[in-house]
């Protein structure tokens, strides 16, 4: 997996950027900065400077940075030599390069109810409203 967002509906969190919240990404999520919260994406790429803290779910994940808490992959998981995962990992297929680290609970399959999650119940984003209320038109008399 390349570290560029080639798929439509993708997101990039650049080095030095901190993003917090709940994210539903139909394409690829490239994380070279920090993400805290929940993220569901087709593919997740955590770059060498990337740090992800929270609950993450993807078809495929390629980890070169750090993941803390929960990672669920319905397809393949690759932990590169610079990658480190601490927490709970559920995967269908896994590959760990020499030097890659995994600390916590690993299980094969995606049917563990204690760590599955969904954004279906997540609060929907609200439109941005102006901070200043428009004043009433002047009355001419």
Protein backbone atom coordinates (compact mmCIF):
# COMPACT_ATOMS: atom_id res chain seq x y z
CA UNK A 1 0.00 0.00 0.00
CA UNK A 2 1.39 3.40 -0.93
CA UNK A 3 1.37 6.25 1.54
CA UNK A 4 -0.61 8.49 -0.79
CA UNK A 5 -4.40 8.82 -0.91
CA UNK A 6 -5.04 7.42 -4.39
CA UNK A 7 -8.58 6.24 -3.64
CA UNK A 8 -11.53 8.66 -3.81
CA UNK A 9 -12.82 9.70 -0.40
CA UNK A 10 -9.40 9.53 1.24
CA UNK A 11 -7.81 11.58 4.02
CA UNK A 12 -4.24 12.52 4.94
CA UNK A 13 -3.18 13.62 8.41
CA UNK A 14 0.18 15.24 7.85
CA UNK A 15 3.25 15.12 10.06
CA UNK A 16 2.84 17.52 12.99
CA UNK A 17 -0.98 17.54 12.71
CA UNK A 18 -3.23 16.29 15.55
CA UNK A 19 -6.75 15.20 14.57
CA UNK A 20 -9.26 14.20 17.26
CA UNK A 21 -12.73 12.78 16.72
CA UNK A 22 -14.69 10.17 14.83
CA UNK A 23 -13.83 9.56 11.19
CA UNK A 24 -15.56 7.46 8.53
CA UNK A 25 -13.32 7.32 5.46
CA UNK A 26 -14.62 5.44 2.41
CA UNK A 27 -11.14 5.30 0.86
CA UNK A 28 -7.67 5.40 2.38
CA UNK A 29 -6.60 7.04 5.65
CA UNK A 30 -2.93 8.06 5.62
CA UNK A 31 -1.68 9.04 9.07
CA UNK A 32 1.72 10.69 9.30
CA UNK A 33 0.69 12.89 12.24
CA UNK A 34 -1.51 11.92 15.20
CA UNK A 35 -5.11 10.73 15.30
CA UNK A 36 -7.04 10.26 18.55
CA UNK A 37 -10.54 8.77 18.52
CA UNK A 38 -12.30 6.32 16.20
CA UNK A 39 -11.64 5.72 12.53
CA UNK A 40 -13.17 3.33 10.01
CA UNK A 41 -11.60 3.24 6.54
CA UNK A 42 -11.13 0.90 3.60
CA UNK A 43 -7.33 1.07 4.03
CA UNK A 44 -5.25 2.55 6.84
CA UNK A 45 -1.60 3.52 6.37
CA UNK A 46 0.27 4.67 9.48
CA UNK A 47 3.54 6.26 8.38
CA UNK A 48 6.79 6.07 10.38
CA UNK A 49 5.97 9.35 12.17
CA UNK A 50 2.28 8.42 12.56
CA UNK A 51 0.58 7.77 15.88
CA UNK A 52 -2.99 6.45 16.26
CA UNK A 53 -4.72 6.25 19.64
CA UNK A 54 -8.24 4.81 19.87
CA UNK A 55 -10.36 2.36 17.90
CA UNK A 56 -9.47 1.73 14.26
CA UNK A 57 -11.10 -0.60 11.74
CA UNK A 58 -10.09 -1.27 8.13
CA UNK A 59 -10.01 -3.92 5.45
CA UNK A 60 -6.24 -3.54 5.25
CA UNK A 61 -3.77 -1.84 7.58
CA UNK A 62 -0.09 -1.12 6.95
CA UNK A 63 1.62 -0.01 10.17
CA UNK A 64 5.00 1.74 10.13
CA UNK A 65 4.32 3.99 13.15
CA UNK A 66 2.38 3.44 16.39
CA UNK A 67 -1.14 2.21 17.18
CA UNK A 68 -2.49 2.19 20.75
CA UNK A 69 -5.82 0.63 21.88
CA UNK A 70 -7.81 -1.37 19.30
CA UNK A 71 -7.17 -2.28 15.66
CA UNK A 72 -9.54 -4.52 13.68
CA UNK A 73 -8.71 -5.58 10.12
CA UNK A 74 -11.15 -7.61 8.04
CA UNK A 75 -8.40 -8.40 5.53
CA UNK A 76 -4.67 -8.12 6.01
CA UNK A 77 -2.51 -6.44 8.63
CA UNK A 78 1.14 -5.65 7.98
CA UNK A 79 3.33 -4.51 10.86
CA UNK A 80 6.50 -3.12 9.31
CA UNK A 81 9.94 -3.18 10.97
CA UNK A 82 9.35 0.30 12.45
CA UNK A 83 5.73 -0.45 13.45
CA UNK A 84 4.48 -0.88 17.00
CA UNK A 85 1.01 -1.88 18.17
CA UNK A 86 -0.08 -1.97 21.82
CA UNK A 87 -3.57 -3.13 22.75
CA UNK A 88 -6.06 -5.42 21.07
CA UNK A 89 -5.65 -6.54 17.47
CA UNK A 90 -8.11 -8.62 15.45
CA UNK A 91 -7.06 -9.64 11.95
CA UNK A 92 -7.80 -12.08 9.16
CA UNK A 93 -4.19 -12.28 7.89
CA UNK A 94 -1.08 -10.86 9.56
CA UNK A 95 2.51 -10.24 8.53
CA UNK A 96 5.09 -8.91 10.99
CA UNK A 97 8.46 -7.82 9.64
CA UNK A 98 11.59 -8.39 11.72
CA UNK A 99 11.71 -5.54 14.23
CA UNK A 100 7.93 -4.94 14.18
CA UNK A 101 6.36 -4.97 17.64
CA UNK A 102 3.02 -6.20 18.99
CA UNK A 103 2.13 -6.04 22.67
CA UNK A 104 -1.30 -7.02 23.92
CA UNK A 105 -3.99 -9.38 22.70
CA UNK A 106 -4.01 -10.71 19.14
CA UNK A 107 -6.77 -12.87 17.68
CA UNK A 108 -7.60 -14.11 14.22
CA UNK A 109 -11.14 -13.39 13.04
CA UNK A 110 -13.51 -10.46 13.37
CA UNK A 111 -16.26 -11.87 15.58
CA UNK A 112 -15.09 -10.79 19.02
CA UNK A 113 -18.02 -8.68 20.29
CA UNK A 114 -16.07 -6.99 23.09
CA UNK A 115 -13.93 -5.00 20.64
CA UNK A 116 -16.12 -4.57 17.59
CA UNK A 117 -17.48 -1.10 16.98
CA UNK A 118 -19.34 0.88 14.39
CA UNK A 119 -19.83 4.49 13.47
CA UNK A 120 -23.48 3.89 12.60
CA UNK A 121 -24.54 5.20 16.01
CA UNK A 122 -22.08 8.09 15.93
CA UNK A 123 -23.45 11.58 16.18
CA UNK A 124 -23.95 13.15 12.76
CA UNK A 125 -21.91 16.28 12.00
CA UNK A 126 -23.76 19.54 12.41
CA UNK A 127 -23.58 22.39 9.89
CA UNK A 128 -21.36 25.33 10.81
CA UNK A 129 -23.40 28.27 12.01
CA UNK A 130 -22.19 31.88 12.21
CA UNK A 131 -21.15 33.04 15.69
CA UNK A 132 -22.82 36.43 15.21
CA UNK A 133 -26.58 36.62 14.83
CA UNK A 134 -27.76 38.82 11.96
CA UNK A 135 -29.40 42.01 13.17
CA UNK A 136 -32.95 42.96 12.25
CA UNK A 137 -33.28 45.37 9.31
CA UNK A 138 -33.48 49.03 10.24
CA UNK A 139 -37.00 50.46 10.31
CA UNK A 140 -37.43 53.66 8.34
CA UNK A 141 -40.21 55.88 9.37
